C-alpha cells in the first residue's frame, strides 16, 4: 500500500524508446571515452535530464 502508479501514455513510451534507441546508436558510433564502462560526467548529465534533448 502507499505506492503511486503513474500513467504513461503510449506516445510517451514510444518517445522514450526512440530516445534509448538513438542513444544506443550514438554510443555504437562514438563509444564512451572511459573504457571501464563507467559513464562519464557528460553521460550522467544526458541521463539525468529526464529525457530532454535540448
C-alpha atoms as a PDB file:
ATOM      1  CA  UNK A   1       0.000   0.000   0.000  1.00  0.00           C
ATOM      2  CA  UNK A   2       1.091   3.585  -0.345  1.00  0.00           C
ATOM      3  CA  UNK A   3       2.536   3.053  -3.807  1.00  0.00           C
ATOM      4  CA  UNK A   4       1.691   5.555  -6.510  1.00  0.00           C
ATOM      5  CA  UNK A   5       1.234   4.278 -10.036  1.00  0.00           C
ATOM      6  CA  UNK A   6       1.745   6.879 -12.739  1.00  0.00           C
ATOM      7  CA  UNK A   7       0.014   6.549 -16.095  1.00  0.00           C
ATOM      8  CA  UNK A   8       2.388   6.813 -19.052  1.00  0.00           C
ATOM      9  CA  UNK A   9       0.768   7.295 -22.422  1.00  0.00           C
ATOM     10  CA  UNK A  10       1.635   5.140 -25.395  1.00  0.00           C
ATOM     11  CA  UNK A  11       3.148   8.118 -27.207  1.00  0.00           C
ATOM     12  CA  UNK A  12       5.393   8.905 -24.222  1.00  0.00           C
ATOM     13  CA  UNK A  13       6.584   5.275 -24.038  1.00  0.00           C
ATOM     14  CA  UNK A  14       7.344   5.377 -27.772  1.00  0.00           C
ATOM     15  CA  UNK A  15       9.240   8.668 -27.377  1.00  0.00           C
ATOM     16  CA  UNK A  16      11.362   7.189 -24.588  1.00  0.00           C
ATOM     17  CA  UNK A  17      12.011   4.042 -26.643  1.00  0.00           C
ATOM     18  CA  UNK A  18      13.171   6.114 -29.606  1.00  0.00           C
ATOM     19  CA  UNK A  19      15.475   8.166 -27.374  1.00  0.00           C
ATOM     20  CA  UNK A  20      17.019   4.977 -25.926  1.00  0.00           C
ATOM     21  CA  UNK A  21      17.479   3.574 -29.421  1.00  0.00           C
ATOM     22  CA  UNK A  22      19.090   6.801 -30.675  1.00  0.00           C
ATOM     23  CA  UNK A  23      21.467   6.857 -27.692  1.00  0.00           C
ATOM     24  CA  UNK A  24      22.451   3.224 -28.337  1.00  0.00           C
ATOM     25  CA  UNK A  25      23.192   4.035 -31.986  1.00  0.00           C
ATOM     26  CA  UNK A  26      25.176   7.129 -30.970  1.00  0.00           C
ATOM     27  CA  UNK A  27      27.190   5.136 -28.426  1.00  0.00           C
ATOM     28  CA  UNK A  28      27.906   2.440 -31.032  1.00  0.00           C
ATOM     29  CA  UNK A  29      29.292   5.096 -33.404  1.00  0.00           C
ATOM     30  CA  UNK A  30      31.030   7.208 -30.731  1.00  0.00           C
ATOM     31  CA  UNK A  31      31.961   4.841 -27.885  1.00  0.00           C
ATOM     32  CA  UNK A  32      32.377   6.385 -24.442  1.00  0.00           C
ATOM     33  CA  UNK A  33      35.937   7.580 -23.769  1.00  0.00           C
ATOM     34  CA  UNK A  34      36.097   5.738 -20.428  1.00  0.00           C
ATOM     35  CA  UNK A  35      36.987   2.075 -21.135  1.00  0.00           C
ATOM     36  CA  UNK A  36      35.961   0.945 -17.628  1.00  0.00           C
ATOM     37  CA  UNK A  37      32.291   1.171 -18.572  1.00  0.00           C
ATOM     38  CA  UNK A  38      31.589   3.893 -16.018  1.00  0.00           C
ATOM     39  CA  UNK A  39      29.538   6.718 -17.540  1.00  0.00           C
ATOM     40  CA  UNK A  40      31.401   9.991 -17.803  1.00  0.00           C
ATOM     41  CA  UNK A  41      30.012  13.267 -16.447  1.00  0.00           C
ATOM     42  CA  UNK A  42      28.529  14.069 -19.851  1.00  0.00           C
ATOM     43  CA  UNK A  43      26.648  10.763 -19.920  1.00  0.00           C
ATOM     44  CA  UNK A  44      25.293  11.390 -16.433  1.00  0.00           C
ATOM     45  CA  UNK A  45      24.003  14.787 -17.494  1.00  0.00           C
ATOM     46  CA  UNK A  46      22.331  13.219 -20.511  1.00  0.00           C
ATOM     47  CA  UNK A  47      20.605  10.541 -18.426  1.00  0.00           C
ATOM     48  CA  UNK A  48      19.662  12.885 -15.608  1.00  0.00           C
ATOM     49  CA  UNK A  49      17.821  15.410 -17.751  1.00  0.00           C
ATOM     50  CA  UNK A  50      14.600  13.395 -17.814  1.00  0.00           C
ATOM     51  CA  UNK A  51      14.955  12.583 -21.483  1.00  0.00           C
ATOM     52  CA  UNK A  52      15.052  16.165 -22.724  1.00  0.00           C
ATOM     53  CA  UNK A  53      17.434  16.502 -25.620  1.00  0.00           C
ATOM     54  CA  UNK A  54      17.519  20.303 -25.678  1.00  0.00           C
END
